[in-house]
């Protein structure tokens, strides 16, 4: 009897293990797609937008790297989109082109400014506990010349008994000195699923 119980416990244990979580390779995860925004959607938007930006006449004519700040990125969807993740993916690719430098001294809602930039100056200047020759001098921060902003929104419609969700990603690069839009781009993600599918 005891052997039977042990065997049953073993079967239950291994069955539970087989139903546990598993790793999914990002390249093969499209089969787990949903009506919401996922990893592949964000990667696709970043690739399309950065390709559009780097091939623009404005960027092609940049001779020296320009300092960039991230302004507001508005998420007007029913998705919990991490706008900082999106903006940093885009600006990372921009920096890798050698045409841009990213400043986190100031920012809008699209990312988080680094509070230590301001704190280290306030807490060390004139503080006798710090070697004043090693303290950051005034006037070292670089003024930004460009601002990246954006908006994400969605539209839901029913088509032939199915649900269609369109996502729009609008990104804009502005010259802060003149206020002129030097580049903008709209990338779209379109998904179709059953009426039982939800996009929130």
N, C-alpha and C. Protein backbone atom coordinates (compact mmCIF):
# COMPACT_ATOMS: atom_id res chain seq x y z
N UNK A 1 0.83 -1.21 0.00
CA UNK A 1 0.00 0.00 0.00
C UNK A 1 0.86 1.26 0.00
N UNK A 2 1.89 1.24 0.83
CA UNK A 2 2.77 2.41 0.92
C UNK A 2 3.47 2.68 -0.40
N UNK A 3 3.82 1.59 -1.13
CA UNK A 3 4.49 1.76 -2.42
C UNK A 3 3.56 2.44 -3.43
N UNK A 4 2.28 2.09 -3.35
CA UNK A 4 1.29 2.69 -4.25
C UNK A 4 1.16 4.18 -3.98
N UNK A 5 1.13 4.53 -2.70
CA UNK A 5 1.01 5.95 -2.31
C UNK A 5 2.22 6.73 -2.79
N UNK A 6 3.41 6.17 -2.59
CA UNK A 6 4.63 6.84 -3.04
C UNK A 6 4.61 7.05 -4.55
N UNK A 7 4.15 6.02 -5.28
CA UNK A 7 4.08 6.12 -6.74
C UNK A 7 3.12 7.22 -7.17
N UNK A 8 1.96 7.29 -6.50
CA UNK A 8 0.97 8.32 -6.84
C UNK A 8 1.50 9.72 -6.55
N UNK A 9 2.19 9.85 -5.42
CA UNK A 9 2.78 11.15 -5.08
C UNK A 9 3.79 11.56 -6.13
N UNK A 10 4.59 10.59 -6.59
CA UNK A 10 5.59 10.88 -7.61
C UNK A 10 4.96 11.33 -8.91
N UNK A 11 3.87 10.67 -9.30
CA UNK A 11 3.18 11.04 -10.54
C UNK A 11 2.63 12.46 -10.45
N UNK A 12 1.99 12.77 -9.31
CA UNK A 12 1.44 14.11 -9.11
C UNK A 12 2.54 15.16 -9.13
N UNK A 13 3.67 14.85 -8.50
CA UNK A 13 4.79 15.79 -8.44
C UNK A 13 5.31 16.11 -9.83
N UNK A 14 5.58 15.07 -10.61
CA UNK A 14 6.15 15.30 -11.93
C UNK A 14 5.13 15.92 -12.88
N UNK A 15 3.85 15.63 -12.67
CA UNK A 15 2.82 16.26 -13.49
C UNK A 15 2.79 17.76 -13.22
N UNK A 16 2.93 18.12 -11.94
CA UNK A 16 2.95 19.54 -11.57
C UNK A 16 4.15 20.24 -12.17
N UNK A 17 5.28 19.54 -12.18
CA UNK A 17 6.49 20.12 -12.75
C UNK A 17 6.33 20.36 -14.24
N UNK A 18 5.67 19.43 -14.93
CA UNK A 18 5.48 19.56 -16.37
C UNK A 18 4.56 20.72 -16.73
N UNK A 19 3.69 21.11 -15.80
CA UNK A 19 2.77 22.21 -16.05
C UNK A 19 3.33 23.55 -15.59
N UNK A 20 4.57 23.57 -15.17
CA UNK A 20 5.18 24.80 -14.68
C UNK A 20 5.59 25.72 -15.81
N UNK A 21 6.12 26.90 -15.47
CA UNK A 21 6.54 27.87 -16.49
C UNK A 21 7.71 27.35 -17.31
N UNK A 22 7.84 27.88 -18.49
CA UNK A 22 8.94 27.50 -19.37
C UNK A 22 9.47 28.74 -20.07
N UNK A 23 10.74 28.69 -20.45
CA UNK A 23 11.34 29.80 -21.18
C UNK A 23 10.90 29.76 -22.64
N UNK A 24 10.71 30.94 -23.22
CA UNK A 24 10.35 31.03 -24.63
C UNK A 24 11.38 31.93 -25.31
N UNK A 25 12.00 31.42 -26.36
CA UNK A 25 12.95 32.22 -27.12
C UNK A 25 12.20 33.38 -27.78
N UNK A 26 12.75 34.59 -27.67
CA UNK A 26 12.06 35.76 -28.21
C UNK A 26 11.80 35.63 -29.71
N UNK A 27 12.68 34.90 -30.41
CA UNK A 27 12.51 34.73 -31.85
C UNK A 27 11.34 33.81 -32.18
N UNK A 28 10.96 32.95 -31.22
CA UNK A 28 9.89 31.98 -31.46
C UNK A 28 8.60 32.31 -30.72
N UNK A 29 8.53 33.49 -30.12
CA UNK A 29 7.39 33.79 -29.25
C UNK A 29 6.19 34.38 -29.98
N UNK A 30 6.26 34.52 -31.29
CA UNK A 30 5.13 35.07 -32.03
C UNK A 30 3.89 34.18 -31.95
N UNK A 31 4.11 32.89 -31.72
CA UNK A 31 2.98 31.97 -31.61
C UNK A 31 2.15 32.25 -30.36
N UNK A 32 2.69 33.06 -29.45
CA UNK A 32 1.97 33.43 -28.22
C UNK A 32 1.44 34.86 -28.31
N UNK A 33 1.21 35.33 -29.53
CA UNK A 33 0.78 36.72 -29.74
C UNK A 33 -0.61 36.96 -29.17
N UNK A 34 -0.85 38.19 -28.75
CA UNK A 34 -2.15 38.58 -28.23
C UNK A 34 -2.61 39.84 -28.96
N UNK A 35 -3.79 40.31 -28.62
CA UNK A 35 -4.29 41.54 -29.22
C UNK A 35 -3.62 42.77 -28.62
N UNK A 36 -2.94 42.59 -27.51
CA UNK A 36 -2.23 43.70 -26.89
C UNK A 36 -0.86 43.92 -27.52
N UNK A 37 -0.15 44.91 -27.03
CA UNK A 37 1.19 45.21 -27.51
C UNK A 37 2.19 44.31 -26.79
N UNK A 38 3.08 43.70 -27.55
CA UNK A 38 4.06 42.81 -26.95
C UNK A 38 5.47 43.16 -27.38
N UNK A 39 6.41 42.31 -27.01
CA UNK A 39 7.83 42.52 -27.30
C UNK A 39 8.08 42.76 -28.78
N UNK A 40 7.48 41.92 -29.63
CA UNK A 40 7.71 42.03 -31.07
C UNK A 40 7.17 43.35 -31.63
N UNK A 41 6.05 43.82 -31.09
CA UNK A 41 5.48 45.08 -31.55
C UNK A 41 6.41 46.25 -31.24
N UNK A 42 6.92 46.29 -30.02
CA UNK A 42 7.82 47.37 -29.62
C UNK A 42 9.09 47.33 -30.46
N UNK A 43 9.66 46.13 -30.65
CA UNK A 43 10.88 46.01 -31.45
C UNK A 43 10.63 46.46 -32.88
N UNK A 44 9.47 46.13 -33.42
CA UNK A 44 9.13 46.52 -34.79
C UNK A 44 9.01 48.03 -34.92
N UNK A 45 8.34 48.66 -33.97
CA UNK A 45 8.18 50.12 -33.99
C UNK A 45 9.53 50.81 -33.88
N UNK A 46 10.36 50.34 -32.97
CA UNK A 46 11.69 50.94 -32.79
C UNK A 46 12.50 50.83 -34.07
N UNK A 47 12.50 49.66 -34.68
CA UNK A 47 13.28 49.46 -35.91
C UNK A 47 12.80 50.36 -37.04
N UNK A 48 11.47 50.41 -37.25
CA UNK A 48 10.92 51.23 -38.32
C UNK A 48 11.21 52.71 -38.10
N UNK A 49 10.99 53.17 -36.87
CA UNK A 49 11.15 54.59 -36.56
C UNK A 49 12.61 55.03 -36.66
N UNK A 50 13.51 54.24 -36.10
CA UNK A 50 14.92 54.60 -36.14
C UNK A 50 15.45 54.55 -37.57
N UNK A 51 15.03 53.57 -38.35
CA UNK A 51 15.44 53.52 -39.76
C UNK A 51 14.98 54.76 -40.50
N UNK A 52 13.75 55.19 -40.24
CA UNK A 52 13.22 56.40 -40.86
C UNK A 52 14.02 57.63 -40.45
N UNK A 53 14.34 57.71 -39.16
CA UNK A 53 15.10 58.85 -38.65
C UNK A 53 16.50 58.92 -39.23
N UNK A 54 17.22 57.80 -39.17
CA UNK A 54 18.62 57.81 -39.59
C UNK A 54 18.78 58.00 -41.10
N UNK A 55 17.74 57.68 -41.85
CA UNK A 55 17.81 57.87 -43.30
C UNK A 55 17.30 59.23 -43.75
N UNK A 56 16.81 60.04 -42.79
CA UNK A 56 16.28 61.36 -43.13
C UNK A 56 17.41 62.31 -43.52
N UNK A 57 17.06 63.30 -44.34
CA UNK A 57 18.05 64.28 -44.77
C UNK A 57 18.64 65.05 -43.61
N UNK A 58 17.82 65.32 -42.59
CA UNK A 58 18.31 66.08 -41.44
C UNK A 58 19.46 65.35 -40.76
N UNK A 59 19.26 64.08 -40.46
CA UNK A 59 20.29 63.32 -39.76
C UNK A 59 21.51 63.09 -40.65
N UNK A 60 21.28 62.88 -41.92
CA UNK A 60 22.39 62.66 -42.84
C UNK A 60 23.34 63.86 -42.87
N UNK A 61 22.80 65.05 -42.61
CA UNK A 61 23.61 66.27 -42.66
C UNK A 61 24.23 66.65 -41.32
N UNK A 62 23.99 65.87 -40.26
CA UNK A 62 24.59 66.17 -38.95
C UNK A 62 26.08 65.85 -39.00
N UNK A 63 26.89 66.83 -38.67
CA UNK A 63 28.35 66.65 -38.69
C UNK A 63 28.91 66.32 -37.32
N UNK A 64 28.37 66.96 -36.29
CA UNK A 64 28.80 66.72 -34.91
C UNK A 64 27.61 66.19 -34.11
N UNK A 65 27.85 65.25 -33.18
CA UNK A 65 26.75 64.69 -32.38
C UNK A 65 25.96 65.78 -31.66
N UNK A 66 24.64 65.67 -31.69
CA UNK A 66 23.77 66.65 -31.05
C UNK A 66 23.21 66.09 -29.74
N UNK A 67 23.10 66.97 -28.74
CA UNK A 67 22.58 66.56 -27.43
C UNK A 67 21.05 66.51 -27.50
N UNK A 68 20.51 65.41 -27.03
CA UNK A 68 19.08 65.13 -27.12
C UNK A 68 18.49 64.94 -25.73
N UNK A 69 17.27 65.43 -25.53
CA UNK A 69 16.51 65.12 -24.31
C UNK A 69 15.19 64.48 -24.71
N UNK A 70 14.65 63.68 -23.80
CA UNK A 70 13.37 63.02 -24.05
C UNK A 70 12.26 63.83 -23.40
N UNK A 71 11.31 64.25 -24.20
CA UNK A 71 10.19 65.05 -23.71
C UNK A 71 9.04 64.12 -23.29
N UNK A 72 7.81 64.55 -23.48
CA UNK A 72 6.66 63.74 -23.09
C UNK A 72 6.34 62.68 -24.15
N UNK A 73 6.04 61.48 -23.68
CA UNK A 73 5.50 60.43 -24.55
C UNK A 73 4.18 59.99 -23.93
N UNK A 74 3.10 60.27 -24.62
CA UNK A 74 1.75 60.04 -24.10
C UNK A 74 1.24 58.66 -24.52
N UNK A 75 0.80 57.89 -23.56
CA UNK A 75 0.20 56.58 -23.85
C UNK A 75 -1.32 56.71 -23.76
N UNK A 76 -1.96 56.83 -24.91
CA UNK A 76 -3.42 56.98 -24.96
C UNK A 76 -4.07 55.68 -25.44
N UNK A 77 -3.57 54.56 -24.91
CA UNK A 77 -4.13 53.25 -25.23
C UNK A 77 -4.66 52.62 -23.95
N UNK A 78 -5.26 51.45 -24.09
CA UNK A 78 -5.72 50.70 -22.92
C UNK A 78 -4.65 49.75 -22.44
N UNK A 79 -3.45 49.87 -23.02
CA UNK A 79 -2.33 49.01 -22.66
C UNK A 79 -1.44 49.69 -21.62
N UNK A 80 -0.82 48.90 -20.79
CA UNK A 80 0.13 49.43 -19.82
C UNK A 80 1.51 49.46 -20.49
N UNK A 81 1.68 50.42 -21.40
CA UNK A 81 2.93 50.53 -22.16
C UNK A 81 3.98 51.26 -21.32
N UNK A 82 5.15 50.68 -21.22
CA UNK A 82 6.26 51.32 -20.52
C UNK A 82 6.92 52.29 -21.49
N UNK A 83 6.51 53.56 -21.42
CA UNK A 83 7.00 54.54 -22.38
C UNK A 83 8.49 54.80 -22.21
N UNK A 84 9.01 54.61 -21.01
CA UNK A 84 10.45 54.80 -20.81
C UNK A 84 11.23 53.70 -21.53
N UNK A 85 10.74 52.48 -21.47
CA UNK A 85 11.40 51.40 -22.19
C UNK A 85 11.42 51.70 -23.69
N UNK A 86 10.30 52.18 -24.21
CA UNK A 86 10.21 52.51 -25.63
C UNK A 86 11.17 53.63 -26.00
N UNK A 87 11.15 54.72 -25.22
CA UNK A 87 12.00 55.87 -25.54
C UNK A 87 13.48 55.54 -25.42
N UNK A 88 13.83 54.72 -24.44
CA UNK A 88 15.25 54.39 -24.27
C UNK A 88 15.74 53.44 -25.35
N UNK A 89 14.87 52.55 -25.83
CA UNK A 89 15.25 51.69 -26.95
C UNK A 89 15.53 52.54 -28.19
N UNK A 90 14.67 53.52 -28.43
CA UNK A 90 14.84 54.39 -29.59
C UNK A 90 16.10 55.22 -29.47
N UNK A 91 16.28 55.88 -28.33
CA UNK A 91 17.44 56.76 -28.17
C UNK A 91 18.75 55.97 -28.08
N UNK A 92 18.67 54.73 -27.64
CA UNK A 92 19.88 53.89 -27.63
C UNK A 92 20.38 53.66 -29.06
N UNK A 93 19.44 53.35 -29.94
CA UNK A 93 19.81 53.17 -31.34
C UNK A 93 20.27 54.48 -31.97
N UNK A 94 19.67 55.58 -31.54
CA UNK A 94 20.09 56.89 -32.05
C UNK A 94 21.53 57.18 -31.62
N UNK A 95 21.85 56.91 -30.36
CA UNK A 95 23.21 57.14 -29.87
C UNK A 95 24.22 56.24 -30.56
N UNK A 96 23.81 55.01 -30.83
CA UNK A 96 24.72 54.07 -31.48
C UNK A 96 25.07 54.48 -32.91
N UNK A 97 24.27 55.39 -33.47
CA UNK A 97 24.57 55.88 -34.82
C UNK A 97 25.72 56.87 -34.82
N UNK A 98 26.07 57.39 -33.63
CA UNK A 98 27.13 58.38 -33.53
C UNK A 98 26.68 59.80 -33.81
N UNK A 99 25.38 59.98 -34.06
CA UNK A 99 24.84 61.29 -34.41
C UNK A 99 24.24 62.03 -33.22
N UNK A 100 23.99 61.29 -32.13
CA UNK A 100 23.28 61.88 -31.00
C UNK A 100 23.92 61.51 -29.67
N UNK A 101 23.72 62.41 -28.69
CA UNK A 101 24.08 62.15 -27.30
C UNK A 101 22.82 62.38 -26.47
N UNK A 102 22.57 61.52 -25.50
CA UNK A 102 21.37 61.64 -24.67
C UNK A 102 21.71 62.25 -23.32
N UNK A 103 20.97 63.30 -22.95
CA UNK A 103 21.13 63.92 -21.63
C UNK A 103 19.95 63.54 -20.75
N UNK A 104 20.25 63.14 -19.51
CA UNK A 104 19.21 62.85 -18.52
C UNK A 104 19.17 63.90 -17.43
N UNK A 105 19.77 65.07 -17.72
CA UNK A 105 19.75 66.16 -16.74
C UNK A 105 18.33 66.68 -16.56
N UNK A 106 17.57 66.70 -17.64
CA UNK A 106 16.16 67.09 -17.60
C UNK A 106 15.38 66.16 -18.50
N UNK A 107 14.09 66.04 -18.25
CA UNK A 107 13.27 65.17 -19.09
C UNK A 107 11.80 65.47 -18.90
N UNK A 108 11.00 64.94 -19.84
CA UNK A 108 9.56 64.98 -19.71
C UNK A 108 9.08 63.65 -19.16
N UNK A 109 7.85 63.29 -19.49
CA UNK A 109 7.28 62.05 -18.96
C UNK A 109 7.77 60.80 -19.70
N UNK A 110 8.51 61.00 -20.80
CA UNK A 110 8.97 59.87 -21.59
C UNK A 110 10.10 59.08 -20.97
N UNK A 111 10.73 59.63 -19.95
CA UNK A 111 11.79 58.92 -19.24
C UNK A 111 11.97 59.56 -17.87
N UNK A 112 12.94 59.09 -17.11
CA UNK A 112 13.22 59.66 -15.79
C UNK A 112 14.56 60.38 -15.84
N UNK A 113 14.57 61.63 -15.39
CA UNK A 113 15.84 62.33 -15.30
C UNK A 113 16.64 61.74 -14.14
N UNK A 114 17.95 61.84 -14.23
CA UNK A 114 18.82 61.31 -13.17
C UNK A 114 18.93 62.36 -12.07
N UNK A 115 18.25 62.12 -10.95
CA UNK A 115 18.22 63.09 -9.85
C UNK A 115 19.59 63.34 -9.25
N UNK A 116 20.50 62.37 -9.39
CA UNK A 116 21.82 62.53 -8.81
C UNK A 116 22.61 63.64 -9.48
N UNK A 117 22.28 63.95 -10.74
CA UNK A 117 22.98 65.03 -11.44
C UNK A 117 22.83 66.33 -10.67
N UNK A 118 21.63 66.59 -10.17
CA UNK A 118 21.38 67.80 -9.40
C UNK A 118 21.83 67.63 -7.95
N UNK A 119 21.58 66.46 -7.38
CA UNK A 119 21.90 66.22 -5.97
C UNK A 119 23.39 66.31 -5.68
N UNK A 120 24.22 65.74 -6.56
CA UNK A 120 25.65 65.73 -6.30
C UNK A 120 26.22 67.14 -6.28
N UNK A 121 25.63 68.03 -7.04
CA UNK A 121 26.08 69.42 -7.06
C UNK A 121 25.67 70.15 -5.78
N UNK A 122 24.40 69.95 -5.38
CA UNK A 122 23.90 70.64 -4.20
C UNK A 122 24.58 70.15 -2.92
N UNK A 123 24.89 68.86 -2.86
CA UNK A 123 25.41 68.28 -1.63
C UNK A 123 26.92 68.39 -1.47
N UNK A 124 27.62 68.66 -2.55
CA UNK A 124 29.09 68.69 -2.45
C UNK A 124 29.69 70.08 -2.55
N UNK A 125 29.05 70.99 -3.26
CA UNK A 125 29.62 72.33 -3.42
C UNK A 125 29.59 73.08 -2.09
N UNK A 126 30.74 73.52 -1.67
CA UNK A 126 30.85 74.25 -0.41
C UNK A 126 30.83 73.37 0.81
N UNK A 127 30.77 72.06 0.64
CA UNK A 127 30.78 71.11 1.76
C UNK A 127 32.22 70.75 2.08
N UNK A 128 32.67 71.11 3.28
CA UNK A 128 34.07 70.91 3.66
C UNK A 128 34.47 69.44 3.73
N UNK A 129 33.50 68.54 3.77
CA UNK A 129 33.81 67.11 3.81
C UNK A 129 34.30 66.60 2.45
N UNK A 130 34.10 67.40 1.42
CA UNK A 130 34.52 67.00 0.07
C UNK A 130 35.68 67.87 -0.40
N UNK A 131 36.62 67.24 -1.05
CA UNK A 131 37.71 67.97 -1.69
C UNK A 131 37.11 68.82 -2.80
N UNK A 132 37.15 70.13 -2.62
CA UNK A 132 36.49 71.02 -3.56
C UNK A 132 37.14 71.03 -4.94
N UNK A 133 38.37 70.56 -5.03
CA UNK A 133 39.02 70.46 -6.34
C UNK A 133 38.43 69.30 -7.16
N UNK A 134 37.78 68.36 -6.46
CA UNK A 134 37.18 67.21 -7.16
C UNK A 134 35.69 67.39 -7.41
N UNK A 135 35.13 68.47 -6.84
CA UNK A 135 33.70 68.73 -7.00
C UNK A 135 33.43 69.28 -8.40
N UNK A 136 32.32 68.90 -8.97
CA UNK A 136 31.96 69.34 -10.32
C UNK A 136 31.77 70.85 -10.35
N UNK A 137 32.46 71.51 -11.26
CA UNK A 137 32.35 72.96 -11.38
C UNK A 137 31.05 73.34 -12.07
N UNK A 138 30.65 74.59 -11.87
CA UNK A 138 29.45 75.09 -12.54
C UNK A 138 29.70 75.21 -14.05
N UNK A 139 28.63 75.08 -14.79
CA UNK A 139 28.73 75.26 -16.24
C UNK A 139 29.16 74.03 -17.01
N UNK A 140 29.10 72.86 -16.38
CA UNK A 140 29.55 71.64 -17.06
C UNK A 140 28.42 70.93 -17.83
N UNK A 141 27.18 71.15 -17.43
CA UNK A 141 26.08 70.49 -18.12
C UNK A 141 25.93 71.02 -19.55
N UNK A 142 25.68 70.10 -20.47
CA UNK A 142 25.52 70.47 -21.87
C UNK A 142 24.05 70.75 -22.18
N UNK A 143 23.81 71.90 -22.77
CA UNK A 143 22.45 72.25 -23.16
C UNK A 143 21.98 71.37 -24.30
N UNK A 144 20.71 71.01 -24.28
CA UNK A 144 20.16 70.14 -25.32
C UNK A 144 19.76 70.96 -26.54
N UNK A 145 19.96 70.37 -27.70
CA UNK A 145 19.56 71.03 -28.94
C UNK A 145 18.31 70.41 -29.55
N UNK A 146 18.01 69.16 -29.13
CA UNK A 146 16.89 68.43 -29.71
C UNK A 146 16.01 67.80 -28.64
N UNK A 147 14.75 67.64 -28.97
CA UNK A 147 13.79 67.01 -28.05
C UNK A 147 13.00 65.94 -28.80
N UNK A 148 12.90 64.75 -28.19
CA UNK A 148 12.12 63.66 -28.77
C UNK A 148 10.83 63.49 -27.98
N UNK A 149 9.70 63.57 -28.66
CA UNK A 149 8.40 63.39 -28.01
C UNK A 149 7.58 62.38 -28.81
N UNK A 150 6.47 61.94 -28.23
CA UNK A 150 5.67 60.96 -28.95
C UNK A 150 4.29 60.76 -28.36
N UNK A 151 3.50 59.99 -29.08
CA UNK A 151 2.15 59.63 -28.62
C UNK A 151 1.79 58.26 -29.18
N UNK A 152 1.13 57.45 -28.35
CA UNK A 152 0.66 56.13 -28.76
C UNK A 152 -0.85 56.10 -28.54
N UNK A 153 -1.59 55.67 -29.55
CA UNK A 153 -3.03 55.54 -29.37
C UNK A 153 -3.55 54.33 -30.15
N UNK A 154 -4.78 53.95 -29.87
CA UNK A 154 -5.34 52.76 -30.52
C UNK A 154 -6.78 53.00 -30.94
N UNK A 155 -7.21 52.22 -31.95
CA UNK A 155 -8.60 52.23 -32.41
C UNK A 155 -9.08 50.80 -32.54
N UNK A 156 -10.24 50.51 -31.98
CA UNK A 156 -10.82 49.17 -32.06
C UNK A 156 -12.06 49.19 -32.95
N UNK A 157 -12.14 48.26 -33.90
CA UNK A 157 -13.31 48.13 -34.76
C UNK A 157 -13.61 46.65 -34.97
N UNK A 158 -14.87 46.35 -35.31
CA UNK A 158 -15.25 44.97 -35.63
C UNK A 158 -15.38 44.83 -37.14
N UNK A 159 -14.72 43.83 -37.69
CA UNK A 159 -14.73 43.60 -39.13
C UNK A 159 -15.04 42.13 -39.41
N UNK A 160 -16.15 41.89 -40.12
CA UNK A 160 -16.53 40.52 -40.49
C UNK A 160 -16.54 39.56 -39.30
N UNK A 161 -17.11 40.01 -38.21
CA UNK A 161 -17.23 39.16 -37.04
C UNK A 161 -15.97 39.03 -36.22
N UNK A 162 -14.94 39.77 -36.58
CA UNK A 162 -13.68 39.72 -35.83
C UNK A 162 -13.35 41.11 -35.28
N UNK A 163 -12.46 41.13 -34.32
CA UNK A 163 -12.02 42.40 -33.74
C UNK A 163 -10.69 42.82 -34.35
N UNK A 164 -10.64 44.05 -34.79
CA UNK A 164 -9.39 44.61 -35.33
C UNK A 164 -8.94 45.75 -34.43
N UNK A 165 -7.69 45.72 -34.06
CA UNK A 165 -7.11 46.79 -33.23
C UNK A 165 -5.93 47.41 -33.96
N UNK A 166 -6.01 48.71 -34.17
CA UNK A 166 -4.93 49.46 -34.82
C UNK A 166 -4.20 50.28 -33.76
N UNK A 167 -2.89 50.14 -33.72
CA UNK A 167 -2.06 50.93 -32.82
C UNK A 167 -1.24 51.92 -33.64
N UNK A 168 -1.15 53.15 -33.17
CA UNK A 168 -0.40 54.19 -33.87
C UNK A 168 0.69 54.73 -32.95
N UNK A 169 1.88 54.85 -33.48
CA UNK A 169 3.02 55.38 -32.73
C UNK A 169 3.54 56.61 -33.49
N UNK A 170 3.32 57.78 -32.93
CA UNK A 170 3.80 59.02 -33.54
C UNK A 170 5.01 59.53 -32.76
N UNK A 171 6.12 59.71 -33.44
CA UNK A 171 7.34 60.23 -32.82
C UNK A 171 7.76 61.50 -33.52
N UNK A 172 8.23 62.48 -32.75
CA UNK A 172 8.59 63.78 -33.30
C UNK A 172 9.91 64.25 -32.71
N UNK A 173 10.79 64.75 -33.58
CA UNK A 173 12.07 65.32 -33.16
C UNK A 173 12.03 66.81 -33.45
N UNK A 174 12.24 67.62 -32.41
CA UNK A 174 12.12 69.07 -32.53
C UNK A 174 13.45 69.75 -32.23
N UNK A 175 13.77 70.77 -33.04
CA UNK A 175 14.93 71.63 -32.79
C UNK A 175 14.52 72.61 -31.70
N UNK A 176 15.12 72.52 -30.52
CA UNK A 176 14.71 73.35 -29.39
C UNK A 176 15.04 74.83 -29.59
N UNK A 177 16.01 75.14 -30.42
CA UNK A 177 16.37 76.54 -30.66
C UNK A 177 15.32 77.24 -31.51
N UNK A 178 14.81 76.55 -32.51
CA UNK A 178 13.88 77.18 -33.45
C UNK A 178 12.43 76.73 -33.26
N UNK A 179 12.24 75.61 -32.55
CA UNK A 179 10.90 75.07 -32.39
C UNK A 179 10.42 74.29 -33.60
N UNK A 180 11.28 74.12 -34.59
CA UNK A 180 10.89 73.44 -35.82
C UNK A 180 10.93 71.91 -35.67
N UNK A 181 9.99 71.26 -36.31
CA UNK A 181 10.00 69.80 -36.39
C UNK A 181 11.00 69.41 -37.48
N UNK A 182 12.06 68.72 -37.08
CA UNK A 182 13.09 68.33 -38.05
C UNK A 182 12.88 66.91 -38.56
N UNK A 183 12.04 66.16 -37.84
CA UNK A 183 11.69 64.80 -38.29
C UNK A 183 10.48 64.33 -37.51
N UNK A 184 9.61 63.59 -38.17
CA UNK A 184 8.55 62.88 -37.46
C UNK A 184 8.18 61.64 -38.26
N UNK A 185 7.57 60.69 -37.57
CA UNK A 185 7.25 59.43 -38.22
C UNK A 185 6.09 58.77 -37.49
N UNK A 186 5.26 58.08 -38.25
CA UNK A 186 4.16 57.33 -37.65
C UNK A 186 4.29 55.86 -38.04
N UNK A 187 4.40 55.01 -37.04
CA UNK A 187 4.47 53.56 -37.27
C UNK A 187 3.16 52.94 -36.81
N UNK A 188 2.72 51.90 -37.52
CA UNK A 188 1.43 51.29 -37.21
C UNK A 188 1.57 49.79 -36.95
N UNK A 189 0.80 49.33 -35.99
CA UNK A 189 0.69 47.90 -35.71
C UNK A 189 -0.79 47.54 -35.82
N UNK A 190 -1.14 46.56 -36.66
CA UNK A 190 -2.53 46.16 -36.86
C UNK A 190 -2.70 44.70 -36.47
N UNK A 191 -3.69 44.42 -35.62
CA UNK A 191 -3.94 43.06 -35.18
C UNK A 191 -5.42 42.70 -35.36
N UNK A 192 -5.67 41.45 -35.73
CA UNK A 192 -7.03 40.96 -35.90
C UNK A 192 -7.18 39.67 -35.11
N UNK A 193 -8.27 39.57 -34.36
CA UNK A 193 -8.53 38.37 -33.56
C UNK A 193 -10.02 38.15 -33.41
N UNK A 194 -10.40 37.13 -32.67
CA UNK A 194 -11.82 36.85 -32.45
C UNK A 194 -12.42 37.90 -31.53
N UNK A 195 -13.74 37.96 -31.51
CA UNK A 195 -14.42 38.93 -30.65
C UNK A 195 -14.19 38.64 -29.18
N UNK A 196 -13.74 37.42 -28.88
CA UNK A 196 -13.43 37.07 -27.50
C UNK A 196 -12.09 37.64 -27.07
N UNK A 197 -11.28 38.03 -28.07
CA UNK A 197 -9.97 38.61 -27.75
C UNK A 197 -10.15 40.01 -27.21
N UNK A 198 -9.30 40.38 -26.29
CA UNK A 198 -9.35 41.73 -25.73
C UNK A 198 -7.99 42.37 -25.90
N UNK A 199 -7.97 43.70 -26.00
CA UNK A 199 -6.72 44.42 -26.19
C UNK A 199 -6.40 45.30 -25.00
N UNK A 200 -6.83 44.84 -23.81
CA UNK A 200 -6.47 45.58 -22.59
C UNK A 200 -6.26 44.61 -21.47
